[in-house]
Amino acid sequence: GYATLNGGTTGGAGGATVTVTNLADLRAAVAGTSPKIVRLTTIIQGDGEVVDVGSNTSVLGACGGGMTGGGFRVKKSTNVIFRNLKLSKSPAPTDLIEIQASTNVWVDHNEFFSDLDHDKDYYDGATDINHGSDYVTVSYNYYHDQYKTSLVGHSDNNGSEDSGHLHVTYHHNYFSNLGSRLPSLRFGTGHIYNNYYKDILISCIDSRDGAQTLIENNVFENSQVLMTNTYGGYANPVGNDWGGATPDLNPGTFTTPPYSRTLGATTGVVSAGEPHANLCALSASFITCFPSISHHLRWYLQDYRLRRLAILYKTMYFLCSSCLSSMRLCHYAISSFLRSSAR
């Protein structure tokens, strides 16, 4: 995705690793520009606050870690990774993740949710990208039960700052039981491929204010307006499964992304979406707790065509309870399973 350009996105690679379990320590750990890896091993109470993340930082959920009731903000920073986090229920105006005037940010393998019981304005966005941010990739995330999902470009009046920027990629995400903004894109350039949209209440992809989008091999199921570009946006759809609905189209000029990608067939998107969503947070636990097998797990979890993905999920879920009492036994069991599955 776009986060691979402009020098790439490595986060805190090569820096020290610190583990945090409370808001004060989290705030201190992610500050500054030196390379650092920050691990959250529990669900931290955000108290409605925004945690500012400095450049060259990886924020990783370990063993189900994340934050509720607060959010992260990347402001005027670069080279940041969010991975394997469980993020939920941040009251407005705080987003779960906001990327503001920043470059090279990768949001990968996270779970985002709130609820649909409150008014649509009670919570703000799950992943908002604004103020001329650039080179952002949003991949392999599970978004569910939230009205406002991902707004790219915060205002119709901000073209002078946003035009020529806001290059974003969304791929292999599972969007379920959401309101809208999947994403909603102003002024920028969006590549949206191999995502699964299920039970979307209001609208899915929204291209407006001159935004150019390339929409490839996505699957839409039981979802409302698939694309709206009545406000001056453009969209080039290729190979999508619209689920029998008719999209609102205004063809544009964006036909080829400036990076290589492997498009999965739409027939594999649905079978991969739901199992993968269940694995997002769970896989984080094992990848972080057992680094010696992380390379095996990543291969299995990211190959969405793997037929045995559901079997792996069930096995890992069962073993999670074993992990609490005997990490050594859990490590051995998973390793044995991976070896047998590789035959």
Protein backbone atom coordinates (compact mmCIF):
# COMPACT_ATOMS: atom_id res chain seq x y z
CA GLY A 1 0.00 0.00 0.00
CA TYR A 2 0.91 3.66 0.07
CA ALA A 3 2.75 3.28 3.38
CA THR A 4 5.47 1.37 1.51
CA LEU A 5 6.33 4.50 -0.49
CA ASN A 6 8.14 7.67 0.55
CA GLY A 7 10.88 5.66 2.24
CA GLY A 8 8.59 3.01 3.71
CA THR A 9 7.11 2.54 7.17
CA THR A 10 9.11 0.63 9.78
CA GLY A 11 7.77 2.16 12.99
CA GLY A 12 10.02 1.61 15.98
CA ALA A 13 12.15 -1.12 14.43
CA GLY A 14 15.56 -1.22 16.09
CA GLY A 15 14.42 0.71 19.13
CA ALA A 16 13.88 -0.36 22.72
CA THR A 17 10.74 -2.25 23.72
CA VAL A 18 8.66 -1.11 26.67
CA THR A 19 5.50 -2.67 28.11
CA VAL A 20 2.74 -0.45 29.52
CA THR A 21 -0.43 -1.18 31.48
CA ASN A 22 -1.82 2.27 32.33
CA LEU A 23 -2.57 5.57 30.63
CA ALA A 24 0.23 7.61 32.18
CA ASP A 25 2.91 5.11 31.20
CA LEU A 26 1.43 4.78 27.72
CA ARG A 27 1.48 8.52 27.17
CA ALA A 28 5.12 8.75 28.23
CA ALA A 29 6.22 5.70 26.25
CA VAL A 30 4.91 6.82 22.85
CA ALA A 31 6.21 10.40 23.07
CA GLY A 32 9.32 11.65 21.30
CA THR A 33 10.98 10.78 18.01
CA SER A 34 13.49 8.08 18.95
CA PRO A 35 12.70 4.55 17.63
CA LYS A 36 10.59 2.60 20.13
CA ILE A 37 8.23 -0.34 20.39
CA VAL A 38 5.41 0.05 22.90
CA ARG A 39 3.45 -3.05 23.97
CA LEU A 40 0.01 -2.86 25.58
CA THR A 41 -0.70 -6.05 27.51
CA THR A 42 -4.12 -5.08 28.86
CA ILE A 43 -7.07 -2.87 27.93
CA ILE A 44 -6.08 0.60 29.12
CA GLN A 45 -8.81 3.01 30.21
CA GLY A 46 -8.46 6.12 28.06
CA ASP A 47 -10.65 8.41 30.18
CA GLY A 48 -11.77 10.29 27.07
CA GLU A 49 -8.24 11.53 26.42
CA VAL A 50 -6.04 11.70 23.33
CA VAL A 51 -2.63 10.02 23.43
CA ASP A 52 -0.17 11.70 21.06
CA VAL A 53 2.22 9.32 19.30
CA GLY A 54 5.64 10.54 18.17
CA SER A 55 7.59 9.56 15.07
CA ASN A 56 9.36 6.21 14.65
CA THR A 57 6.96 4.35 16.93
CA SER A 58 5.29 0.94 16.87
CA VAL A 59 2.26 0.59 19.14
CA LEU A 60 1.46 -3.11 19.52
CA GLY A 61 -1.29 -4.95 21.32
CA ALA A 62 0.07 -7.96 23.18
CA CYS A 63 -2.16 -10.70 24.59
CA GLY A 64 -5.36 -8.78 23.78
CA GLY A 65 -4.08 -5.33 24.73
CA GLY A 66 -5.55 -2.03 23.59
CA MET A 67 -7.49 0.96 24.83
CA THR A 68 -11.12 1.82 25.52
CA GLY A 69 -12.66 5.23 26.08
CA GLY A 70 -9.76 7.12 24.52
CA GLY A 71 -7.77 7.39 21.34
CA PHE A 72 -4.41 7.80 19.66
CA ARG A 73 -3.36 10.81 17.59
CA VAL A 74 -0.43 11.00 15.19
CA LYS A 75 0.11 14.73 14.66
CA LYS A 76 2.94 16.17 12.57
CA SER A 77 4.82 12.88 12.89
CA THR A 78 6.10 10.19 10.55
CA ASN A 79 6.81 6.45 10.47
CA VAL A 80 4.24 5.04 12.90
CA ILE A 81 2.70 1.56 13.09
CA PHE A 82 -0.42 0.49 15.01
CA ARG A 83 -0.84 -3.27 15.12
CA ASN A 84 -2.86 -5.93 16.94
CA LEU A 85 -4.73 -3.44 19.12
CA LYS A 86 -8.28 -3.68 20.40
CA LEU A 87 -9.66 -0.11 20.35
CA SER A 88 -13.18 0.82 21.41
CA LYS A 89 -15.72 3.39 22.57
CA SER A 90 -14.01 6.76 22.49
CA PRO A 91 -16.60 9.53 23.01
CA ALA A 92 -16.55 12.43 20.54
CA PRO A 93 -14.58 14.43 19.63
CA THR A 94 -11.81 11.85 20.15
CA ASP A 95 -11.16 9.33 17.36
CA LEU A 96 -9.86 5.86 18.12
CA ILE A 97 -6.97 6.69 15.79
CA GLU A 98 -6.52 10.11 14.18
CA ILE A 99 -3.73 10.77 11.68
CA GLN A 100 -3.20 14.49 11.31
CA ALA A 101 -0.58 16.26 9.15
CA SER A 102 1.55 13.09 9.23
CA THR A 103 3.18 10.70 6.77
CA ASN A 104 3.91 6.99 6.53
CA VAL A 105 1.46 5.46 8.97
CA TRP A 106 0.42 1.80 8.87
CA VAL A 107 -2.75 0.66 10.67
CA ASP A 108 -2.68 -3.13 10.56
CA HIS A 109 -4.46 -6.12 12.16
CA ASN A 110 -6.50 -4.14 14.70
CA GLU A 111 -10.07 -4.35 15.95
CA PHE A 112 -12.20 -1.18 16.14
CA PHE A 113 -15.68 -0.99 17.62
CA SER A 114 -18.10 1.07 19.69
CA ASP A 115 -21.86 0.47 19.63
CA LEU A 116 -24.96 1.53 17.73
CA ASP A 117 -27.06 2.11 20.85
CA HIS A 118 -26.04 5.75 21.24
CA ASP A 119 -26.76 8.61 18.85
CA LYS A 120 -24.53 8.59 15.76
CA ASP A 121 -22.59 11.59 17.07
CA TYR A 122 -21.87 10.16 20.52
CA TYR A 123 -18.68 8.48 19.27
CA ASP A 124 -16.38 9.93 16.65
CA GLY A 125 -14.37 8.14 13.96
CA ALA A 126 -12.53 4.84 14.19
CA THR A 127 -9.66 5.82 11.88
CA ASP A 128 -9.65 9.40 10.58
CA ILE A 129 -6.94 10.79 8.30
CA ASN A 130 -6.77 14.52 7.74
CA HIS A 131 -4.84 17.80 7.41
CA GLY A 132 -2.75 16.74 4.43
CA SER A 133 -1.56 13.42 5.85
CA ASP A 134 0.02 11.15 3.27
CA TYR A 135 1.23 7.60 2.54
CA VAL A 136 -1.14 5.73 4.84
CA THR A 137 -2.12 2.05 4.67
CA VAL A 138 -5.07 0.53 6.54
CA SER A 139 -4.92 -3.25 6.25
CA TYR A 140 -6.35 -6.46 7.75
CA ASN A 141 -8.48 -4.67 10.34
CA TYR A 142 -11.87 -5.61 11.75
CA TYR A 143 -14.29 -2.67 12.03
CA HIS A 144 -17.70 -3.29 13.52
CA ASP A 145 -20.61 -1.71 15.41
CA GLN A 146 -19.79 1.95 14.86
CA TYR A 147 -21.54 4.76 12.97
CA LYS A 148 -18.48 6.73 11.81
CA THR A 149 -15.67 4.57 10.47
CA SER A 150 -12.94 6.30 8.47
CA LEU A 151 -13.02 9.91 7.27
CA VAL A 152 -10.20 10.95 4.94
CA GLY A 153 -10.17 14.74 4.65
CA HIS A 154 -12.14 16.44 7.40
CA SER A 155 -13.75 19.37 5.59
CA ASP A 156 -14.97 20.51 2.17
CA ASN A 157 -13.12 23.77 2.86
CA ASN A 158 -9.66 22.26 3.36
CA GLY A 159 -8.67 21.68 -0.25
CA SER A 160 -5.65 23.98 -0.09
CA GLU A 161 -4.02 21.72 2.51
CA ASP A 162 -5.32 18.34 1.36
CA SER A 163 -5.03 18.50 -2.43
CA GLY A 164 -2.04 16.53 -3.66
CA HIS A 165 -1.89 14.60 -0.40
CA LEU A 166 -4.10 12.03 1.37
CA HIS A 167 -2.78 9.02 -0.55
CA VAL A 168 -4.34 6.07 1.29
CA THR A 169 -4.73 2.32 0.80
CA TYR A 170 -7.44 0.15 2.36
CA HIS A 171 -7.04 -3.57 1.78
CA HIS A 172 -8.24 -6.83 3.31
CA ASN A 173 -10.38 -5.14 5.95
CA TYR A 174 -13.63 -6.59 7.25
CA PHE A 175 -16.36 -3.95 7.68
CA SER A 176 -19.45 -5.21 9.50
CA ASN A 177 -22.56 -3.59 11.00
CA LEU A 178 -21.34 -0.03 10.48
CA GLY A 179 -22.95 3.27 9.56
CA SER A 180 -20.84 4.92 6.88
CA ARG A 181 -17.40 6.29 5.82
CA LEU A 182 -15.77 3.10 4.58
CA PRO A 183 -13.96 5.31 3.77
CA SER A 184 -15.30 8.77 2.96
CA LEU A 185 -12.58 10.49 0.95
CA ARG A 186 -12.14 14.17 0.09
CA PHE A 187 -9.48 15.61 -2.24
CA GLY A 188 -7.12 12.63 -1.93
CA THR A 189 -6.33 9.39 -3.75
CA GLY A 190 -7.64 6.10 -2.42
CA HIS A 191 -6.87 2.52 -3.42
CA ILE A 192 -9.50 0.21 -1.95
CA TYR A 193 -9.19 -3.50 -2.65
CA ASN A 194 -10.14 -6.95 -1.33
CA ASN A 195 -12.30 -5.60 1.49
CA TYR A 196 -15.47 -7.27 2.72
CA TYR A 197 -18.50 -5.06 3.43
CA LYS A 198 -21.34 -6.70 5.32
CA ASP A 199 -24.53 -5.20 6.79
CA ILE A 200 -23.59 -1.55 6.18
CA LEU A 201 -26.44 0.68 7.30
CA ILE A 202 -26.04 4.02 5.46
CA SER A 203 -23.27 4.06 2.85
CA CYS A 204 -19.99 2.35 2.03
CA ILE A 205 -17.37 4.15 -0.06
CA ASP A 206 -17.85 7.88 -0.56
CA SER A 207 -15.64 9.78 -3.04
CA ARG A 208 -16.09 13.55 -3.12
CA ASP A 209 -14.41 16.94 -3.65
CA GLY A 210 -12.21 15.75 -6.51
CA ALA A 211 -11.03 12.57 -4.78
CA GLN A 212 -9.83 9.79 -7.08
CA THR A 213 -10.47 6.20 -6.04
CA LEU A 214 -9.58 2.82 -7.52
CA ILE A 215 -11.90 0.17 -6.11
CA GLU A 216 -10.86 -3.40 -6.88
CA ASN A 217 -12.19 -6.87 -6.04
CA ASN A 218 -14.26 -5.93 -3.00
CA VAL A 219 -17.37 -7.79 -1.85
CA PHE A 220 -20.56 -6.07 -0.67
CA GLU A 221 -23.25 -8.02 1.17
CA ASN A 222 -26.55 -6.67 2.48
CA SER A 223 -25.20 -3.13 2.33
CA GLN A 224 -26.74 0.20 1.44
CA VAL A 225 -25.40 2.81 -1.03
CA LEU A 226 -22.22 1.23 -2.32
CA MET A 227 -20.57 4.36 -3.61
CA THR A 228 -21.64 7.99 -3.63
CA ASN A 229 -19.78 10.52 -5.70
CA THR A 230 -22.48 13.11 -6.27
CA TYR A 231 -20.30 15.78 -4.64
CA GLY A 232 -17.56 15.89 -7.25
CA GLY A 233 -15.60 12.72 -6.55
CA TYR A 234 -14.44 9.99 -8.91
CA ALA A 235 -14.29 6.21 -8.75
CA ASN A 236 -12.96 3.48 -11.03
CA PRO A 237 -14.40 0.11 -9.98
CA VAL A 238 -12.81 -3.13 -11.20
CA GLY A 239 -13.92 -6.69 -10.48
CA ASN A 240 -16.17 -6.00 -7.49
CA ASP A 241 -19.07 -8.14 -6.30
CA TRP A 242 -21.81 -5.60 -5.64
CA GLY A 243 -24.17 -8.14 -4.09
CA GLY A 244 -26.88 -7.41 -6.64
CA ALA A 245 -26.98 -3.67 -5.96
CA THR A 246 -26.12 -0.88 -8.40
CA PRO A 247 -23.28 1.49 -7.47
CA ASP A 248 -23.28 5.21 -8.16
CA LEU A 249 -20.38 5.74 -10.57
CA ASN A 250 -18.44 8.72 -11.88
CA PRO A 251 -15.28 7.34 -13.57
CA GLY A 252 -11.98 9.04 -12.87
CA THR A 253 -8.33 8.89 -13.92
CA PHE A 254 -6.83 6.68 -11.19
CA THR A 255 -6.43 3.26 -12.80
CA THR A 256 -3.06 1.91 -11.62
CA PRO A 257 -1.51 2.22 -8.13
CA PRO A 258 2.18 3.22 -7.91
CA TYR A 259 3.12 -0.03 -6.12
CA SER A 260 2.71 -3.74 -6.72
CA ARG A 261 -0.17 -5.65 -5.17
CA THR A 262 -1.69 -9.11 -5.45
CA LEU A 263 -5.44 -9.03 -5.96
CA GLY A 264 -7.40 -11.89 -4.47
CA ALA A 265 -10.50 -13.12 -6.29
CA THR A 266 -13.82 -11.95 -4.82
CA THR A 267 -14.74 -15.59 -4.22
CA GLY A 268 -12.05 -15.71 -1.54
CA VAL A 269 -12.79 -12.39 0.15
CA VAL A 270 -15.85 -13.53 2.11
CA SER A 271 -14.36 -16.82 3.29
CA ALA A 272 -11.33 -14.91 4.51
CA GLY A 273 -13.09 -11.92 6.03
CA GLU A 274 -14.90 -13.31 9.06
CA PRO A 275 -12.28 -15.84 10.19
CA HIS A 276 -9.58 -13.25 9.72
CA ALA A 277 -11.51 -10.72 11.79
CA ASN A 278 -11.71 -13.17 14.66
CA LEU A 279 -7.99 -13.78 14.41
CA CYS A 280 -6.93 -10.12 14.42
CA ALA A 281 -6.71 -9.63 18.16
CA LEU A 282 -6.02 -13.26 19.01
CA SER A 283 -3.07 -13.57 16.66
CA ALA A 284 -1.49 -10.58 18.35
CA SER A 285 -1.22 -12.50 21.59
CA PHE A 286 0.75 -15.36 20.13
CA ILE A 287 2.86 -13.29 17.75
CA THR A 288 3.97 -11.05 20.61
CA CYS A 289 4.13 -13.62 23.41
CA PHE A 290 5.94 -16.23 21.34
CA PRO A 291 8.34 -14.42 19.01
CA SER A 292 10.12 -17.64 18.06
CA ILE A 293 7.08 -18.75 16.06
CA SER A 294 5.94 -15.31 14.90
CA HIS A 295 7.18 -15.83 11.35
CA HIS A 296 5.14 -19.04 11.07
CA LEU A 297 2.01 -17.41 12.42
CA ARG A 298 2.25 -14.39 10.15
CA TRP A 299 2.52 -16.64 7.12
CA TYR A 300 -0.60 -18.52 8.13
CA LEU A 301 -2.63 -15.52 9.23
CA GLN A 302 -1.90 -13.32 6.25
CA ASP A 303 -2.48 -15.95 3.58
CA TYR A 304 -6.23 -15.41 3.45
CA ARG A 305 -6.63 -18.20 0.89
CA LEU A 306 -5.45 -20.83 3.33
CA ARG A 307 -8.19 -23.43 3.59
CA ARG A 308 -7.23 -24.38 7.12
CA LEU A 309 -7.56 -20.87 8.51
CA ALA A 310 -10.74 -21.71 10.41
CA ILE A 311 -9.09 -24.79 11.92
CA LEU A 312 -6.14 -22.69 13.04
CA TYR A 313 -8.48 -20.16 14.65
CA LYS A 314 -10.36 -22.81 16.63
CA THR A 315 -7.13 -24.43 17.77
CA MET A 316 -5.57 -21.15 18.86
CA TYR A 317 -8.75 -20.12 20.68
CA PHE A 318 -8.71 -23.34 22.66
CA LEU A 319 -5.02 -23.00 23.43
CA CYS A 320 -5.40 -19.44 24.68
CA SER A 321 -6.74 -20.72 28.01
CA SER A 322 -3.77 -23.05 28.26
CA CYS A 323 -1.49 -20.06 27.79
CA LEU A 324 -2.67 -18.58 31.06
CA SER A 325 -1.54 -21.60 33.05
CA SER A 326 1.39 -22.84 31.04
CA MET A 327 3.01 -20.69 28.38
CA ARG A 328 5.53 -23.43 27.67
CA LEU A 329 2.79 -25.98 26.99
CA CYS A 330 0.92 -23.50 24.79
CA HIS A 331 4.10 -22.71 22.83
CA TYR A 332 4.75 -26.41 22.27
CA ALA A 333 1.16 -27.12 21.23
CA ILE A 334 1.01 -24.30 18.68
CA SER A 335 4.40 -25.19 17.25
CA SER A 336 3.33 -28.81 16.88
CA PHE A 337 0.12 -27.76 15.17
CA LEU A 338 1.98 -25.54 12.71
CA ARG A 339 4.41 -28.32 11.88
CA SER A 340 1.62 -30.80 11.24
CA SER A 341 -0.35 -28.30 9.13
CA ALA A 342 2.68 -27.58 6.98
CA ARG A 343 2.95 -31.18 5.84
